[in-house]
Amino acid sequence: MRHGKKFNHLSRQKGHRTAMLANMACSLIEHKRINTTVAKAKALKQFVEPLVTKSKEDTTHNRRIVFSYLRNKYAVTELFREVSAKVGDRPGGYTRIIKMGNRLGDNADMAMIELVDFNELYKGGKKEEKKATTRRSRAKKSDAKPATEAPAAETSENTEATE
């Protein structure tokens, strides 16, 4: 029975599982996105999101707590400098899991897990600005063409009438 077992053991013993999640979290912080299986991505999300929440408040105690999980001082430094600056106003949900399909070798479900604020493709505000400028420029061109064509036609008629 599975009573009281709330997390995925990932077919590993405790030491191997914690070391693997710590290494994956360091890679995620360093590269901002990694490819892995769906099960590992879900386990990593539960592992790394509390650490990102701790990094919002830069105290020695929080740095030591995060270091006890990650065991990599470079990852801790980057988490408290770059990542915490971008997620400072976000109330939660720091990671996104995107399913990628199946792996060729063993047909395992693959996924990409990434830090939400570091993805430039999903920022919708820039796309809306492009559409607005395109519409404005088209409207100006259509208004300008009839105004330039009309005087040219009048001048040709005037020259014919004078001759």
N, C-alpha and C. Protein backbone atom coordinates (compact mmCIF):
# COMPACT_ATOMS: atom_id res chain seq x y z
N MET A 1 0.84 -1.20 0.00
CA MET A 1 0.00 0.00 0.00
C MET A 1 0.87 1.25 0.00
N ARG A 2 0.30 2.35 -0.50
CA ARG A 2 1.06 3.59 -0.63
C ARG A 2 0.61 4.65 0.37
N HIS A 3 0.09 4.29 1.50
CA HIS A 3 -0.41 5.28 2.44
C HIS A 3 0.72 6.16 2.94
N GLY A 4 0.54 7.47 2.84
CA GLY A 4 1.51 8.43 3.38
C GLY A 4 2.71 8.68 2.49
N LYS A 5 2.73 8.11 1.29
CA LYS A 5 3.86 8.33 0.39
C LYS A 5 3.43 9.34 -0.65
N LYS A 6 3.81 10.60 -0.45
CA LYS A 6 3.27 11.69 -1.26
C LYS A 6 4.16 12.12 -2.41
N PHE A 7 5.35 11.60 -2.56
CA PHE A 7 6.22 12.03 -3.64
C PHE A 7 6.72 10.81 -4.41
N ASN A 8 7.16 11.05 -5.62
CA ASN A 8 7.63 9.99 -6.50
C ASN A 8 9.05 9.57 -6.10
N HIS A 9 9.24 8.29 -5.89
CA HIS A 9 10.56 7.79 -5.50
C HIS A 9 11.48 7.60 -6.69
N LEU A 10 10.96 7.65 -7.89
CA LEU A 10 11.74 7.61 -9.13
C LEU A 10 12.60 6.35 -9.24
N SER A 11 12.19 5.25 -8.61
CA SER A 11 12.92 3.97 -8.64
C SER A 11 14.36 4.11 -8.16
N ARG A 12 14.57 4.96 -7.17
CA ARG A 12 15.90 5.18 -6.60
C ARG A 12 15.81 5.20 -5.09
N GLN A 13 16.93 4.92 -4.46
CA GLN A 13 16.97 5.05 -3.01
C GLN A 13 17.20 6.51 -2.64
N LYS A 14 17.05 6.83 -1.37
CA LYS A 14 17.00 8.23 -0.92
C LYS A 14 18.27 9.00 -1.28
N GLY A 15 19.43 8.45 -1.06
CA GLY A 15 20.67 9.17 -1.34
C GLY A 15 20.83 9.47 -2.82
N HIS A 16 20.54 8.49 -3.65
CA HIS A 16 20.65 8.69 -5.10
C HIS A 16 19.63 9.71 -5.58
N ARG A 17 18.40 9.64 -5.05
CA ARG A 17 17.34 10.55 -5.47
C ARG A 17 17.66 12.00 -5.09
N THR A 18 18.13 12.23 -3.89
CA THR A 18 18.44 13.61 -3.47
C THR A 18 19.63 14.16 -4.24
N ALA A 19 20.64 13.32 -4.50
CA ALA A 19 21.79 13.78 -5.27
C ALA A 19 21.39 14.11 -6.70
N MET A 20 20.53 13.28 -7.29
CA MET A 20 20.08 13.52 -8.66
C MET A 20 19.26 14.81 -8.74
N LEU A 21 18.34 15.03 -7.80
CA LEU A 21 17.53 16.24 -7.82
C LEU A 21 18.37 17.49 -7.57
N ALA A 22 19.39 17.37 -6.71
CA ALA A 22 20.27 18.51 -6.47
C ALA A 22 21.06 18.86 -7.72
N ASN A 23 21.56 17.85 -8.43
CA ASN A 23 22.31 18.09 -9.66
C ASN A 23 21.41 18.67 -10.75
N MET A 24 20.19 18.16 -10.85
CA MET A 24 19.26 18.69 -11.85
C MET A 24 18.87 20.13 -11.52
N ALA A 25 18.70 20.44 -10.24
CA ALA A 25 18.35 21.81 -9.85
C ALA A 25 19.50 22.76 -10.15
N CYS A 26 20.73 22.33 -9.93
CA CYS A 26 21.89 23.18 -10.27
C CYS A 26 21.95 23.42 -11.77
N SER A 27 21.68 22.38 -12.56
CA SER A 27 21.69 22.54 -14.02
C SER A 27 20.57 23.46 -14.48
N LEU A 28 19.42 23.35 -13.85
CA LEU A 28 18.29 24.22 -14.20
C LEU A 28 18.60 25.67 -13.88
N ILE A 29 19.22 25.92 -12.75
CA ILE A 29 19.56 27.29 -12.37
C ILE A 29 20.64 27.85 -13.28
N GLU A 30 21.59 27.02 -13.66
CA GLU A 30 22.68 27.48 -14.52
C GLU A 30 22.23 27.71 -15.95
N HIS A 31 21.47 26.78 -16.53
CA HIS A 31 21.11 26.84 -17.95
C HIS A 31 19.72 27.41 -18.20
N LYS A 32 18.92 27.58 -17.16
CA LYS A 32 17.55 28.14 -17.21
C LYS A 32 16.54 27.18 -17.83
N ARG A 33 16.95 26.10 -18.49
CA ARG A 33 16.04 25.07 -18.97
C ARG A 33 16.83 23.78 -19.21
N ILE A 34 16.18 22.65 -18.95
CA ILE A 34 16.81 21.36 -19.18
C ILE A 34 15.77 20.39 -19.73
N ASN A 35 16.23 19.38 -20.44
CA ASN A 35 15.36 18.32 -20.96
C ASN A 35 15.53 17.09 -20.08
N THR A 36 14.40 16.48 -19.70
CA THR A 36 14.42 15.30 -18.85
C THR A 36 13.10 14.57 -19.04
N THR A 37 12.88 13.51 -18.28
CA THR A 37 11.61 12.81 -18.37
C THR A 37 10.54 13.59 -17.60
N VAL A 38 9.28 13.28 -17.89
CA VAL A 38 8.18 14.01 -17.26
C VAL A 38 8.16 13.76 -15.75
N ALA A 39 8.41 12.53 -15.33
CA ALA A 39 8.38 12.20 -13.91
C ALA A 39 9.48 12.95 -13.15
N LYS A 40 10.68 12.99 -13.73
CA LYS A 40 11.77 13.72 -13.08
C LYS A 40 11.51 15.22 -13.08
N ALA A 41 10.89 15.73 -14.14
CA ALA A 41 10.58 17.16 -14.20
C ALA A 41 9.58 17.54 -13.11
N LYS A 42 8.58 16.70 -12.89
CA LYS A 42 7.60 16.99 -11.84
C LYS A 42 8.23 16.92 -10.46
N ALA A 43 9.13 15.95 -10.25
CA ALA A 43 9.83 15.86 -8.96
C ALA A 43 10.76 17.05 -8.77
N LEU A 44 11.41 17.48 -9.85
CA LEU A 44 12.31 18.63 -9.77
C LEU A 44 11.56 19.91 -9.47
N LYS A 45 10.37 20.04 -10.01
CA LYS A 45 9.56 21.23 -9.75
C LYS A 45 9.25 21.35 -8.26
N GLN A 46 8.88 20.24 -7.62
CA GLN A 46 8.62 20.26 -6.18
C GLN A 46 9.88 20.54 -5.39
N PHE A 47 11.02 20.16 -5.92
CA PHE A 47 12.29 20.33 -5.22
C PHE A 47 12.81 21.77 -5.31
N VAL A 48 12.68 22.40 -6.49
CA VAL A 48 13.35 23.67 -6.74
C VAL A 48 12.49 24.89 -6.39
N GLU A 49 11.17 24.78 -6.46
CA GLU A 49 10.33 25.96 -6.23
C GLU A 49 10.46 26.50 -4.81
N PRO A 50 10.51 25.69 -3.75
CA PRO A 50 10.76 26.26 -2.42
C PRO A 50 12.11 26.95 -2.30
N LEU A 51 13.11 26.45 -3.05
CA LEU A 51 14.43 27.08 -3.00
C LEU A 51 14.39 28.46 -3.64
N VAL A 52 13.64 28.60 -4.75
CA VAL A 52 13.51 29.91 -5.40
C VAL A 52 12.77 30.87 -4.48
N THR A 53 11.78 30.37 -3.76
CA THR A 53 11.06 31.22 -2.80
C THR A 53 12.00 31.69 -1.70
N LYS A 54 12.89 30.82 -1.23
CA LYS A 54 13.87 31.21 -0.21
C LYS A 54 14.82 32.28 -0.75
N SER A 55 15.11 32.23 -2.04
CA SER A 55 16.11 33.15 -2.60
C SER A 55 15.58 34.58 -2.71
N LYS A 56 14.27 34.78 -2.56
CA LYS A 56 13.72 36.13 -2.65
C LYS A 56 14.24 37.03 -1.53
N GLU A 57 14.47 36.43 -0.37
CA GLU A 57 15.00 37.19 0.77
C GLU A 57 16.45 36.77 0.98
N ASP A 58 17.37 37.66 0.68
CA ASP A 58 18.80 37.33 0.69
C ASP A 58 19.36 37.51 2.09
N THR A 59 19.30 36.44 2.88
CA THR A 59 19.91 36.44 4.21
C THR A 59 20.91 35.30 4.28
N THR A 60 21.80 35.37 5.24
CA THR A 60 22.79 34.31 5.40
C THR A 60 22.11 32.99 5.73
N HIS A 61 21.08 33.05 6.54
CA HIS A 61 20.36 31.82 6.91
C HIS A 61 19.72 31.16 5.69
N ASN A 62 19.08 31.95 4.83
CA ASN A 62 18.46 31.38 3.62
C ASN A 62 19.51 30.83 2.67
N ARG A 63 20.65 31.50 2.56
CA ARG A 63 21.72 30.98 1.71
C ARG A 63 22.22 29.64 2.22
N ARG A 64 22.34 29.50 3.52
CA ARG A 64 22.81 28.23 4.09
C ARG A 64 21.79 27.12 3.90
N ILE A 65 20.51 27.45 4.03
CA ILE A 65 19.47 26.44 3.81
C ILE A 65 19.51 25.96 2.36
N VAL A 66 19.58 26.90 1.40
CA VAL A 66 19.61 26.53 -0.01
C VAL A 66 20.89 25.76 -0.34
N PHE A 67 22.00 26.15 0.27
CA PHE A 67 23.26 25.44 0.02
C PHE A 67 23.19 24.00 0.53
N SER A 68 22.46 23.77 1.62
CA SER A 68 22.34 22.41 2.15
C SER A 68 21.58 21.51 1.17
N TYR A 69 20.71 22.09 0.35
CA TYR A 69 20.01 21.30 -0.66
C TYR A 69 20.81 21.16 -1.93
N LEU A 70 21.40 22.24 -2.42
CA LEU A 70 22.07 22.21 -3.73
C LEU A 70 23.51 21.73 -3.66
N ARG A 71 24.25 22.09 -2.63
CA ARG A 71 25.65 21.71 -2.45
C ARG A 71 26.53 22.18 -3.61
N ASN A 72 26.23 23.38 -4.13
CA ASN A 72 27.03 23.97 -5.20
C ASN A 72 27.00 25.47 -5.01
N LYS A 73 28.13 26.05 -4.63
CA LYS A 73 28.12 27.48 -4.28
C LYS A 73 27.88 28.38 -5.48
N TYR A 74 28.26 27.93 -6.68
CA TYR A 74 28.03 28.74 -7.88
C TYR A 74 26.54 28.81 -8.22
N ALA A 75 25.86 27.69 -8.05
CA ALA A 75 24.41 27.68 -8.29
C ALA A 75 23.69 28.53 -7.26
N VAL A 76 24.13 28.48 -6.02
CA VAL A 76 23.50 29.30 -4.97
C VAL A 76 23.71 30.78 -5.27
N THR A 77 24.91 31.15 -5.69
CA THR A 77 25.19 32.55 -6.01
C THR A 77 24.33 33.03 -7.17
N GLU A 78 24.21 32.23 -8.21
CA GLU A 78 23.40 32.63 -9.36
C GLU A 78 21.92 32.70 -8.99
N LEU A 79 21.48 31.77 -8.15
CA LEU A 79 20.08 31.77 -7.71
C LEU A 79 19.76 33.05 -6.94
N PHE A 80 20.63 33.45 -6.04
CA PHE A 80 20.36 34.62 -5.22
C PHE A 80 20.60 35.93 -5.96
N ARG A 81 21.41 35.93 -7.02
CA ARG A 81 21.67 37.17 -7.77
C ARG A 81 20.70 37.34 -8.93
N GLU A 82 20.79 36.46 -9.92
CA GLU A 82 20.04 36.64 -11.17
C GLU A 82 18.59 36.18 -11.06
N VAL A 83 18.38 34.97 -10.57
CA VAL A 83 17.04 34.40 -10.57
C VAL A 83 16.12 35.15 -9.61
N SER A 84 16.61 35.45 -8.43
CA SER A 84 15.75 36.13 -7.45
C SER A 84 15.40 37.54 -7.89
N ALA A 85 16.27 38.19 -8.67
CA ALA A 85 15.96 39.53 -9.17
C ALA A 85 14.80 39.50 -10.16
N LYS A 86 14.72 38.44 -10.96
CA LYS A 86 13.64 38.35 -11.96
C LYS A 86 12.32 37.89 -11.36
N VAL A 87 12.37 37.05 -10.33
CA VAL A 87 11.13 36.50 -9.77
C VAL A 87 10.69 37.22 -8.51
N GLY A 88 11.24 38.38 -8.23
CA GLY A 88 10.95 39.07 -6.99
C GLY A 88 9.48 39.40 -6.78
N ASP A 89 8.76 39.74 -7.83
CA ASP A 89 7.36 40.12 -7.68
C ASP A 89 6.40 38.97 -7.97
N ARG A 90 6.89 37.82 -8.40
CA ARG A 90 6.02 36.69 -8.74
C ARG A 90 5.65 35.93 -7.46
N PRO A 91 4.36 35.64 -7.25
CA PRO A 91 3.95 34.98 -6.00
C PRO A 91 4.19 33.47 -5.99
N GLY A 92 4.58 32.87 -7.08
CA GLY A 92 4.83 31.43 -7.13
C GLY A 92 4.82 30.98 -8.58
N GLY A 93 4.98 29.69 -8.79
CA GLY A 93 4.97 29.16 -10.15
C GLY A 93 6.17 29.62 -10.94
N TYR A 94 7.35 29.28 -10.47
CA TYR A 94 8.58 29.77 -11.08
C TYR A 94 9.05 28.91 -12.24
N THR A 95 8.51 27.70 -12.38
CA THR A 95 8.95 26.80 -13.43
C THR A 95 7.77 26.40 -14.31
N ARG A 96 8.11 25.98 -15.52
CA ARG A 96 7.10 25.55 -16.50
C ARG A 96 7.58 24.21 -17.08
N ILE A 97 6.66 23.25 -17.21
CA ILE A 97 6.98 21.96 -17.80
C ILE A 97 6.26 21.86 -19.14
N ILE A 98 7.03 21.65 -20.20
CA ILE A 98 6.49 21.52 -21.55
C ILE A 98 6.81 20.11 -22.04
N LYS A 99 5.79 19.35 -22.37
CA LYS A 99 6.00 17.97 -22.83
C LYS A 99 6.51 17.98 -24.26
N MET A 100 7.51 17.14 -24.53
CA MET A 100 8.23 17.18 -25.80
C MET A 100 7.97 15.96 -26.69
N GLY A 101 7.37 14.92 -26.20
CA GLY A 101 7.20 13.71 -26.99
C GLY A 101 7.90 12.55 -26.32
N ASN A 102 8.20 11.52 -27.06
CA ASN A 102 8.81 10.32 -26.50
C ASN A 102 10.26 10.19 -26.94
N ARG A 103 11.07 9.60 -26.06
CA ARG A 103 12.48 9.37 -26.36
C ARG A 103 12.61 8.18 -27.29
N LEU A 104 13.55 8.24 -28.22
CA LEU A 104 13.69 7.20 -29.23
C LEU A 104 14.11 5.86 -28.64
N GLY A 105 15.00 5.83 -27.70
CA GLY A 105 15.55 4.58 -27.20
C GLY A 105 14.55 3.72 -26.46
N ASP A 106 13.87 4.31 -25.46
CA ASP A 106 12.99 3.51 -24.61
C ASP A 106 11.55 4.04 -24.59
N ASN A 107 11.23 5.01 -25.44
CA ASN A 107 9.88 5.55 -25.56
C ASN A 107 9.38 6.22 -24.27
N ALA A 108 10.31 6.77 -23.50
CA ALA A 108 9.93 7.47 -22.27
C ALA A 108 9.37 8.85 -22.61
N ASP A 109 8.38 9.30 -21.84
CA ASP A 109 7.81 10.64 -22.04
C ASP A 109 8.85 11.67 -21.65
N MET A 110 9.19 12.55 -22.58
CA MET A 110 10.21 13.58 -22.32
C MET A 110 9.53 14.94 -22.12
N ALA A 111 10.22 15.80 -21.38
CA ALA A 111 9.69 17.14 -21.11
C ALA A 111 10.84 18.10 -20.98
N MET A 112 10.53 19.38 -21.19
CA MET A 112 11.50 20.45 -20.95
C MET A 112 10.98 21.24 -19.76
N ILE A 113 11.81 21.41 -18.76
CA ILE A 113 11.45 22.22 -17.61
C ILE A 113 12.30 23.48 -17.67
N GLU A 114 11.66 24.63 -17.47
CA GLU A 114 12.38 25.89 -17.60
C GLU A 114 11.90 26.88 -16.56
N LEU A 115 12.74 27.86 -16.28
CA LEU A 115 12.34 28.96 -15.41
C LEU A 115 11.50 29.93 -16.22
N VAL A 116 10.34 30.29 -15.70
CA VAL A 116 9.34 31.03 -16.46
C VAL A 116 9.84 32.40 -16.90
N ASP A 117 10.47 33.15 -16.05
CA ASP A 117 10.83 34.53 -16.35
C ASP A 117 12.02 34.65 -17.30
N PHE A 118 12.68 33.56 -17.62
CA PHE A 118 13.84 33.63 -18.50
C PHE A 118 13.51 33.22 -19.93
N ASN A 119 12.25 32.95 -20.24
CA ASN A 119 11.86 32.59 -21.59
C ASN A 119 11.36 33.83 -22.31
N GLU A 120 12.04 34.23 -23.38
CA GLU A 120 11.68 35.44 -24.12
C GLU A 120 10.57 35.19 -25.13
N LEU A 121 10.28 33.93 -25.46
CA LEU A 121 9.27 33.64 -26.46
C LEU A 121 7.85 33.86 -25.97
N TYR A 122 7.62 33.68 -24.67
CA TYR A 122 6.26 33.75 -24.13
C TYR A 122 5.89 35.12 -23.62
N LYS A 123 6.66 36.16 -23.91
CA LYS A 123 6.31 37.51 -23.46
C LYS A 123 5.38 38.12 -24.49
N GLY A 124 4.10 38.27 -24.16
CA GLY A 124 3.08 38.68 -25.12
C GLY A 124 3.05 40.17 -25.37
N GLY A 125 3.58 41.01 -24.51
CA GLY A 125 3.48 42.45 -24.68
C GLY A 125 4.20 42.94 -25.93
N LYS A 126 5.29 42.35 -26.29
CA LYS A 126 6.05 42.80 -27.46
C LYS A 126 5.29 42.50 -28.75
N LYS A 127 4.59 41.38 -28.81
CA LYS A 127 3.86 41.02 -30.02
C LYS A 127 2.72 42.00 -30.28
N GLU A 128 2.04 42.41 -29.23
CA GLU A 128 0.93 43.35 -29.41
C GLU A 128 1.41 44.68 -29.94
N GLU A 129 2.56 45.15 -29.50
CA GLU A 129 3.11 46.41 -29.99
C GLU A 129 3.41 46.33 -31.48
N LYS A 130 3.90 45.21 -31.95
CA LYS A 130 4.20 45.06 -33.38
C LYS A 130 2.92 45.16 -34.21
N LYS A 131 1.84 44.53 -33.74
CA LYS A 131 0.59 44.58 -34.47
C LYS A 131 0.05 46.01 -34.53
N ALA A 132 0.16 46.74 -33.43
CA ALA A 132 -0.37 48.10 -33.39
C ALA A 132 0.40 49.00 -34.35
N THR A 133 1.72 48.88 -34.41
CA THR A 133 2.49 49.74 -35.31
C THR A 133 2.21 49.38 -36.76
N THR A 134 1.98 48.11 -37.04
CA THR A 134 1.70 47.70 -38.41
C THR A 134 0.38 48.32 -38.88
N ARG A 135 -0.62 48.28 -38.05
CA ARG A 135 -1.91 48.83 -38.44
C ARG A 135 -1.82 50.33 -38.65
N ARG A 136 -1.11 51.00 -37.78
CA ARG A 136 -0.99 52.46 -37.92
C ARG A 136 -0.27 52.83 -39.22
N SER A 137 0.80 52.10 -39.54
CA SER A 137 1.57 52.45 -40.73
C SER A 137 0.76 52.18 -42.00
N ARG A 138 -0.06 51.14 -42.00
CA ARG A 138 -0.88 50.86 -43.18
C ARG A 138 -1.94 51.94 -43.37
N ALA A 139 -2.51 52.40 -42.27
CA ALA A 139 -3.54 53.44 -42.37
C ALA A 139 -2.94 54.73 -42.91
N LYS A 140 -1.75 55.07 -42.49
CA LYS A 140 -1.10 56.29 -42.97
C LYS A 140 -0.79 56.19 -44.46
N LYS A 141 -0.36 55.02 -44.92
CA LYS A 141 -0.03 54.85 -46.34
C LYS A 141 -1.28 54.97 -47.20
N SER A 142 -2.38 54.39 -46.75
CA SER A 142 -3.60 54.45 -47.55
C SER A 142 -4.14 55.88 -47.62
N ASP A 143 -4.01 56.67 -46.54
CA ASP A 143 -4.45 58.06 -46.57
C ASP A 143 -3.53 58.90 -47.45
N ALA A 144 -2.26 58.59 -47.48
CA ALA A 144 -1.30 59.42 -48.20
C ALA A 144 -1.39 59.22 -49.71
N LYS A 145 -1.72 58.04 -50.20
CA LYS A 145 -1.74 57.78 -51.63
C LYS A 145 -2.80 58.59 -52.38
N PRO A 146 -4.05 58.65 -51.94
CA PRO A 146 -5.02 59.44 -52.69
C PRO A 146 -4.69 60.92 -52.69
N ALA A 147 -4.09 61.40 -51.63
CA ALA A 147 -3.77 62.82 -51.56
C ALA A 147 -2.68 63.17 -52.58
N THR A 148 -1.73 62.29 -52.81
CA THR A 148 -0.66 62.58 -53.77
C THR A 148 -1.12 62.35 -55.20
N GLU A 149 -2.05 61.43 -55.42
CA GLU A 149 -2.51 61.16 -56.78
C GLU A 149 -3.43 62.26 -57.31
N ALA A 150 -4.24 62.85 -56.45
CA ALA A 150 -5.22 63.84 -56.90
C ALA A 150 -4.56 65.10 -57.48
N PRO A 151 -3.58 65.72 -56.86
CA PRO A 151 -2.98 66.90 -57.46
C PRO A 151 -2.27 66.60 -58.78
N ALA A 152 -1.72 65.44 -58.93
CA ALA A 152 -1.05 65.09 -60.18
C ALA A 152 -2.06 65.04 -61.32
N ALA A 153 -3.24 64.51 -61.07
CA ALA A 153 -4.27 64.43 -62.09
C ALA A 153 -4.78 65.83 -62.46
N GLU A 154 -4.92 66.68 -61.47
CA GLU A 154 -5.40 68.04 -61.73
C GLU A 154 -4.41 68.83 -62.57
N THR A 155 -3.15 68.72 -62.30
CA THR A 155 -2.13 69.46 -63.04
C THR A 155 -2.08 69.00 -64.50
N SER A 156 -2.27 67.72 -64.76
CA SER A 156 -2.26 67.26 -66.16
C SER A 156 -3.49 67.78 -66.92
N GLU A 157 -4.63 67.86 -66.24
CA GLU A 157 -5.82 68.42 -66.89
C GLU A 157 -5.66 69.91 -67.16
N ASN A 158 -5.05 70.62 -66.22
CA ASN A 158 -4.84 72.06 -66.38
C ASN A 158 -3.91 72.36 -67.54
N THR A 159 -2.90 71.57 -67.72
CA THR A 159 -1.98 71.82 -68.83
C THR A 159 -2.64 71.54 -70.16
N GLU A 160 -3.50 70.55 -70.23
CA GLU A 160 -4.20 70.25 -71.48
C GLU A 160 -5.21 71.36 -71.80
N ALA A 161 -5.85 71.93 -70.79
CA ALA A 161 -6.85 72.98 -70.99
C ALA A 161 -6.20 74.28 -71.49
N THR A 162 -4.99 74.58 -71.03
CA THR A 162 -4.33 75.78 -71.43
C THR A 162 -3.80 75.69 -72.86
N GLU A 163 -3.50 74.53 -73.34
CA GLU A 163 -2.98 74.37 -74.70
C GLU A 163 -4.05 74.44 -75.68
